[in-house]
């Protein structure tokens, strides 16, 4: 090779090296450059998505200005198989390097579904079924009182069945935790009976300070062989837990022939009427030491308690006056 050819070849290598170095410098700078999107973006990457598909999704959401560079770096760095499916919240202005780190970290959006105290199992299943971030069918034959009211965290694409099973396991774990610390001489013998009574307490009052006292009233009535005479049990007998009755109970309702109607049957219903929370469960296992046998709404969101029927009847008349004035 002639001296001139050598010089030309060497010059070509230098030019190629400089150009490559320039491209690397540009690529590195572009990869670390803040993104051009000015608002946080939520993206969902389906399971099994390729690098091409992921870059398309990110580009369509305005996250990537240089999708080709993103694909090149991800592949060149051996991270193609490390990008994880799921739902991601990408902060405004995130660079491609940080986007890559986020997608390989698996730091997906944490979603929440809350089951309030006192819902029936039908209502809880309806709540979970309506959550569009969950997938799959609702399990069948979910027992009343088996779902612990709580806030449950999950990720986009988790199954509805998995969430329900977690609710059931949480209730089982809670009962196993608190059952051994129950008071002595309670008028029921099994955890399932405790859940049944707790479900009635849960439906009777939403005032935290009252739960143990309401439980004490029912415990006293059970000990004396008195009917519980709980309105929520009649509602359950009429609706089978499908939802609120939507009207006042009538005298004919109180005569409904059902094992759940505690105006007709003595003792506890055959099963819970709702899903009680921890506070209601603890209340029936540690009821207030009281001589009360009756309670009725007091017009202020709570209840008026009484030891005697005469006193209770006065409270009932007072409540009816308040109710009539409001109507």
Protein backbone atom coordinates (compact mmCIF):
# COMPACT_ATOMS: atom_id res chain seq x y z
CA UNK A 1 0.00 0.00 0.00
CA UNK A 2 1.36 3.37 -0.97
CA UNK A 3 2.17 6.03 1.57
CA UNK A 4 -0.70 8.14 0.24
CA UNK A 5 -3.15 5.25 0.60
CA UNK A 6 -1.99 4.69 4.16
CA UNK A 7 -2.56 8.35 4.96
CA UNK A 8 -6.02 8.21 3.42
CA UNK A 9 -6.91 5.04 5.32
CA UNK A 10 -5.60 6.48 8.60
CA UNK A 11 -7.51 9.69 8.04
CA UNK A 12 -10.65 7.68 7.37
CA UNK A 13 -10.21 5.80 10.65
CA UNK A 14 -9.71 9.07 12.50
CA UNK A 15 -12.82 10.55 10.92
CA UNK A 16 -14.79 7.39 11.73
CA UNK A 17 -13.50 7.40 15.30
CA UNK A 18 -14.33 11.06 15.77
CA UNK A 19 -17.76 10.57 14.27
CA UNK A 20 -18.40 7.52 16.45
CA UNK A 21 -17.18 9.34 19.51
CA UNK A 22 -19.41 12.23 18.61
CA UNK A 23 -22.37 9.93 18.20
CA UNK A 24 -21.64 8.32 21.57
CA UNK A 25 -21.37 11.70 23.24
CA UNK A 26 -24.59 12.84 21.59
CA UNK A 27 -26.35 9.59 22.45
CA UNK A 28 -25.25 9.71 26.07
CA UNK A 29 -26.33 13.32 26.37
CA UNK A 30 -29.67 12.63 24.71
CA UNK A 31 -30.21 9.57 26.91
CA UNK A 32 -29.70 11.67 30.03
CA UNK A 33 -31.58 14.70 28.74
CA UNK A 34 -34.81 15.55 30.59
CA UNK A 35 -37.95 14.44 28.79
CA UNK A 36 -40.01 17.00 26.93
CA UNK A 37 -43.32 16.04 28.58
CA UNK A 38 -44.47 18.53 31.21
CA UNK A 39 -46.98 16.40 33.12
CA UNK A 40 -46.76 13.06 34.89
CA UNK A 41 -47.71 10.17 32.62
CA UNK A 42 -49.21 6.81 33.55
CA UNK A 43 -48.49 3.95 31.15
CA UNK A 44 -49.51 0.31 31.17
CA UNK A 45 -47.09 -2.20 29.66
CA UNK A 46 -48.85 -5.50 28.91
CA UNK A 47 -47.23 -8.79 29.82
CA UNK A 48 -44.99 -10.15 27.07
CA UNK A 49 -44.37 -6.77 25.45
CA UNK A 50 -41.25 -6.57 23.28
CA UNK A 51 -38.80 -3.69 23.39
CA UNK A 52 -40.35 -2.40 20.17
CA UNK A 53 -43.85 -2.51 21.63
CA UNK A 54 -42.74 -0.82 24.85
CA UNK A 55 -41.01 1.98 22.96
CA UNK A 56 -44.13 2.47 20.83
CA UNK A 57 -46.29 2.80 23.92
CA UNK A 58 -43.88 5.25 25.53
CA UNK A 59 -43.59 7.27 22.34
CA UNK A 60 -47.37 7.45 21.92
CA UNK A 61 -47.65 8.81 25.45
CA UNK A 62 -45.03 11.48 24.78
CA UNK A 63 -42.44 9.95 27.09
CA UNK A 64 -39.84 9.18 24.38
CA UNK A 65 -38.62 11.74 21.88
CA UNK A 66 -35.92 9.36 20.58
CA UNK A 67 -37.48 5.85 20.52
CA UNK A 68 -34.71 4.50 18.27
CA UNK A 69 -32.06 5.59 20.76
CA UNK A 70 -34.06 4.04 23.60
CA UNK A 71 -34.27 0.70 21.78
CA UNK A 72 -30.57 0.76 20.84
CA UNK A 73 -29.35 1.47 24.38
CA UNK A 74 -31.70 -1.03 26.01
CA UNK A 75 -30.56 -3.77 23.63
CA UNK A 76 -26.87 -2.81 23.69
CA UNK A 77 -26.86 -2.80 27.49
CA UNK A 78 -28.50 -6.21 27.68
CA UNK A 79 -31.62 -4.92 29.44
CA UNK A 80 -34.17 -6.10 26.89
CA UNK A 81 -35.30 -8.97 29.07
CA UNK A 82 -35.35 -6.87 32.23
CA UNK A 83 -38.15 -4.47 31.28
CA UNK A 84 -41.13 -5.46 33.41
CA UNK A 85 -44.79 -5.34 32.58
CA UNK A 86 -47.19 -3.34 34.73
CA UNK A 87 -48.55 0.13 35.34
CA UNK A 88 -45.99 2.89 35.82
CA UNK A 89 -46.23 6.50 36.86
CA UNK A 90 -43.53 8.41 35.00
CA UNK A 91 -42.85 11.86 36.49
CA UNK A 92 -42.78 14.85 34.15
CA UNK A 93 -39.42 15.44 32.49
CA UNK A 94 -38.00 11.99 33.25
CA UNK A 95 -34.96 11.17 31.11
CA UNK A 96 -34.72 7.99 29.03
CA UNK A 97 -32.10 6.65 31.44
CA UNK A 98 -34.48 7.10 34.37
CA UNK A 99 -37.35 5.64 32.36
CA UNK A 100 -35.22 2.56 31.71
CA UNK A 101 -34.30 2.31 35.38
CA UNK A 102 -37.95 2.60 36.37
CA UNK A 103 -39.09 -0.09 33.94
CA UNK A 104 -36.37 -2.51 35.06
CA UNK A 105 -37.02 -1.85 38.75
CA UNK A 106 -40.61 -3.06 38.65
CA UNK A 107 -41.71 -0.06 40.75
CA UNK A 108 -45.26 -0.24 39.46
CA UNK A 109 -48.18 1.91 40.61
CA UNK A 110 -49.65 0.64 43.87
CA UNK A 111 -53.43 0.61 43.62
CA UNK A 112 -55.87 0.29 46.49
CA UNK A 113 -59.30 -1.19 46.96
CA UNK A 114 -61.12 -0.47 50.22
CA UNK A 115 -63.87 -2.64 51.63
CA UNK A 116 -65.76 -0.59 54.25
CA UNK A 117 -67.02 -2.18 57.44
CA UNK A 118 -70.51 -3.58 57.33
CA UNK A 119 -70.89 -4.40 53.66
CA UNK A 120 -72.38 -7.77 52.77
CA UNK A 121 -70.29 -10.18 50.75
CA UNK A 122 -72.48 -9.48 47.71
CA UNK A 123 -71.68 -5.76 48.04
CA UNK A 124 -67.95 -6.41 48.45
CA UNK A 125 -67.88 -8.66 45.39
CA UNK A 126 -69.71 -5.97 43.44
CA UNK A 127 -67.09 -3.43 44.55
CA UNK A 128 -64.22 -5.63 43.40
CA UNK A 129 -65.97 -6.51 40.14
CA UNK A 130 -66.29 -2.82 39.25
CA UNK A 131 -62.57 -2.15 39.66
CA UNK A 132 -61.34 -1.95 36.06
CA UNK A 133 -57.67 -2.37 37.00
CA UNK A 134 -58.36 -5.93 38.16
CA UNK A 135 -58.86 -8.84 35.79
CA UNK A 136 -60.67 -12.16 35.86
CA UNK A 137 -63.90 -13.36 37.33
CA UNK A 138 -65.22 -13.06 40.86
CA UNK A 139 -65.07 -16.33 42.80
CA UNK A 140 -68.35 -17.99 43.65
CA UNK A 141 -69.73 -19.13 46.98
CA UNK A 142 -68.03 -16.47 49.09
CA UNK A 143 -69.42 -16.89 52.60
CA UNK A 144 -71.02 -13.96 54.40
CA UNK A 145 -68.72 -12.54 57.04
CA UNK A 146 -65.58 -14.05 55.53
CA UNK A 147 -64.10 -10.86 54.03
CA UNK A 148 -62.20 -8.56 56.37
CA UNK A 149 -63.02 -4.87 55.78
CA UNK A 150 -59.70 -3.20 55.08
CA UNK A 151 -57.69 -1.39 52.40
CA UNK A 152 -55.87 -3.82 50.14
CA UNK A 153 -53.00 -2.92 47.83
CA UNK A 154 -52.61 -4.48 44.41
CA UNK A 155 -51.02 -3.89 41.03
CA UNK A 156 -52.70 -3.34 37.68
CA UNK A 157 -53.57 -6.70 36.17
CA UNK A 158 -53.90 -8.60 39.45
CA UNK A 159 -56.90 -10.92 39.53
CA UNK A 160 -60.15 -10.30 41.34
CA UNK A 161 -60.00 -13.79 42.74
CA UNK A 162 -56.60 -13.07 44.30
CA UNK A 163 -57.91 -9.92 46.03
CA UNK A 164 -60.94 -11.78 47.41
CA UNK A 165 -58.75 -14.61 48.68
CA UNK A 166 -56.56 -12.08 50.45
CA UNK A 167 -59.65 -10.60 52.14
CA UNK A 168 -60.65 -14.07 53.30
CA UNK A 169 -57.19 -14.89 54.57
CA UNK A 170 -57.04 -11.58 56.42
CA UNK A 171 -60.29 -12.42 58.22
CA UNK A 172 -59.02 -15.90 59.12
CA UNK A 173 -55.76 -14.47 60.44
CA UNK A 174 -57.55 -11.82 62.51
CA UNK A 175 -59.90 -14.33 64.14
CA UNK A 176 -56.98 -16.59 65.01
CA UNK A 177 -55.20 -13.60 66.53
CA UNK A 178 -57.98 -12.24 68.77
CA UNK A 179 -60.09 -15.31 69.64
CA UNK A 180 -57.74 -16.55 72.41
CA UNK A 181 -58.05 -13.21 74.27
CA UNK A 182 -61.87 -13.35 74.52
CA UNK A 183 -63.62 -12.68 77.81
CA UNK A 184 -64.70 -15.60 79.97
CA UNK A 185 -68.27 -16.94 80.01
CA UNK A 186 -69.43 -15.45 76.73
CA UNK A 187 -72.81 -16.80 75.56
CA UNK A 188 -71.32 -18.25 72.37
CA UNK A 189 -68.73 -20.94 71.81
CA UNK A 190 -67.18 -20.62 68.37
CA UNK A 191 -65.37 -18.03 66.28
CA UNK A 192 -68.12 -18.24 63.64
CA UNK A 193 -70.71 -17.25 66.24
CA UNK A 194 -68.49 -14.34 67.27
CA UNK A 195 -68.36 -13.17 63.65
CA UNK A 196 -72.16 -13.43 63.43
CA UNK A 197 -72.69 -11.30 66.52
CA UNK A 198 -69.99 -8.85 65.41
CA UNK A 199 -71.77 -8.42 62.07
CA UNK A 200 -74.93 -7.36 63.92
CA UNK A 201 -72.97 -4.93 66.11
CA UNK A 202 -71.32 -3.54 62.97
CA UNK A 203 -74.70 -2.84 61.35
CA UNK A 204 -76.24 -1.40 64.52
CA UNK A 205 -73.74 1.38 65.17
CA UNK A 206 -71.09 3.34 63.33
CA UNK A 207 -69.98 5.12 66.52
CA UNK A 208 -66.67 3.58 67.64
CA UNK A 209 -67.27 4.36 71.32
CA UNK A 210 -70.58 2.47 71.26
CA UNK A 211 -69.51 -0.85 69.82
CA UNK A 212 -68.52 -2.52 73.08
CA UNK A 213 -71.69 -1.27 74.80
CA UNK A 214 -73.95 -2.47 71.98
CA UNK A 215 -72.14 -5.80 72.15
CA UNK A 216 -72.76 -5.80 75.91
CA UNK A 217 -76.51 -5.36 75.36
CA UNK A 218 -76.65 -8.31 72.97
CA UNK A 219 -74.51 -10.47 75.27
CA UNK A 220 -76.88 -9.69 78.16
CA UNK A 221 -79.91 -10.59 76.05
CA UNK A 222 -78.34 -13.85 74.90
CA UNK A 223 -77.54 -14.80 78.48
CA UNK A 224 -81.15 -14.21 79.50
CA UNK A 225 -82.61 -16.04 76.52
CA UNK A 226 -84.15 -12.85 75.16
CA UNK A 227 -84.56 -12.26 71.45
CA UNK A 228 -81.96 -9.87 70.04
CA UNK A 229 -84.62 -7.88 68.16
CA UNK A 230 -82.09 -6.29 65.83
CA UNK A 231 -83.50 -4.34 62.88
CA UNK A 232 -80.49 -5.05 60.61
CA UNK A 233 -81.20 -8.78 60.83
CA UNK A 234 -84.70 -8.14 59.47
CA UNK A 235 -83.26 -6.07 56.63
CA UNK A 236 -80.93 -8.94 55.79
CA UNK A 237 -83.86 -11.36 55.88
CA UNK A 238 -85.65 -9.17 53.34
CA UNK A 239 -82.71 -8.39 51.02
CA UNK A 240 -80.38 -11.38 51.41
CA UNK A 241 -77.54 -8.88 51.64
CA UNK A 242 -78.09 -7.44 48.16
CA UNK A 243 -77.97 -3.87 49.49
CA UNK A 244 -79.86 -1.33 51.60
CA UNK A 245 -83.60 -1.81 52.00
CA UNK A 246 -84.24 1.77 50.92
CA UNK A 247 -87.17 2.35 53.26
CA UNK A 248 -88.21 2.05 56.89
CA UNK A 249 -89.06 -1.30 58.35
CA UNK A 250 -92.76 -1.92 58.90
CA UNK A 251 -94.58 -4.02 61.48
CA UNK A 252 -95.21 -6.65 58.84
CA UNK A 253 -91.46 -6.73 58.11
CA UNK A 254 -90.79 -7.58 61.74
CA UNK A 255 -92.99 -10.65 61.30
CA UNK A 256 -90.98 -11.94 58.33
CA UNK A 257 -90.54 -15.70 58.53
CA UNK A 258 -86.77 -16.10 58.32
CA UNK A 259 -84.06 -17.63 60.51
CA UNK A 260 -82.31 -14.26 60.23
CA UNK A 261 -85.22 -12.36 61.78
CA UNK A 262 -84.19 -11.96 65.41
CA UNK A 263 -87.62 -10.57 66.28
CA UNK A 264 -88.98 -14.09 65.69
CA UNK A 265 -86.09 -16.43 66.54
CA UNK A 266 -84.11 -16.62 69.74
CA UNK A 267 -80.34 -16.58 69.80
CA UNK A 268 -78.04 -15.75 66.94
CA UNK A 269 -78.93 -15.96 63.26
CA UNK A 270 -77.50 -18.97 61.42
CA UNK A 271 -74.75 -16.86 59.79
CA UNK A 272 -73.39 -13.31 59.70
CA UNK A 273 -75.40 -10.54 58.06
CA UNK A 274 -72.35 -8.54 56.93
CA UNK A 275 -68.57 -8.42 57.10
CA UNK A 276 -67.52 -6.97 60.46
CA UNK A 277 -64.28 -5.09 61.02
CA UNK A 278 -61.66 -5.54 63.71
CA UNK A 279 -63.30 -3.11 66.15
CA UNK A 280 -66.67 -4.89 66.05
CA UNK A 281 -65.01 -8.28 66.45
CA UNK A 282 -62.98 -7.08 69.41
CA UNK A 283 -66.13 -5.56 70.91
CA UNK A 284 -68.02 -8.86 71.00
CA UNK A 285 -65.02 -10.69 72.42
CA UNK A 286 -64.55 -8.01 75.07
CA UNK A 287 -68.05 -6.53 75.55
CA UNK A 288 -68.71 -3.68 77.95
CA UNK A 289 -69.64 -4.64 81.49
CA UNK A 290 -73.15 -3.19 81.52
CA UNK A 291 -76.66 -3.96 82.77
CA UNK A 292 -78.24 -2.46 79.65
CA UNK A 293 -80.77 -4.58 77.80
CA UNK A 294 -82.07 -2.06 75.27
CA UNK A 295 -80.95 0.74 72.96
CA UNK A 296 -82.56 2.99 70.38
CA UNK A 297 -81.36 5.84 68.17
CA UNK A 298 -80.92 9.12 70.05
CA UNK A 299 -81.26 11.46 67.07
CA UNK A 300 -77.62 12.56 67.16
CA UNK A 301 -76.06 9.62 65.35
CA UNK A 302 -75.70 7.49 68.46
CA UNK A 303 -77.99 5.51 70.75
CA UNK A 304 -79.82 5.88 74.06
CA UNK A 305 -79.30 2.83 76.27
CA UNK A 306 -81.61 1.50 78.97
CA UNK A 307 -81.63 -1.20 81.64
CA UNK A 308 -85.42 -1.47 81.90
CA UNK A 309 -88.23 -1.76 79.38
CA UNK A 310 -89.97 1.28 80.88
CA UNK A 311 -86.89 3.43 80.41
CA UNK A 312 -86.43 2.06 76.89
CA UNK A 313 -90.02 2.91 75.96
CA UNK A 314 -89.44 6.51 77.01
CA UNK A 315 -86.34 6.59 74.80
CA UNK A 316 -88.32 5.14 71.91
CA UNK A 317 -91.02 7.80 72.25
CA UNK A 318 -88.38 10.49 72.32
CA UNK A 319 -86.74 9.10 69.17
CA UNK A 320 -90.05 8.91 67.33
CA UNK A 321 -90.76 12.55 68.15
CA UNK A 322 -87.37 13.55 66.77
CA UNK A 323 -87.87 11.43 63.67
CA UNK A 324 -91.35 12.79 63.02
CA UNK A 325 -90.14 16.38 63.35
CA UNK A 326 -87.45 15.68 60.77
CA UNK A 327 -89.94 14.13 58.38
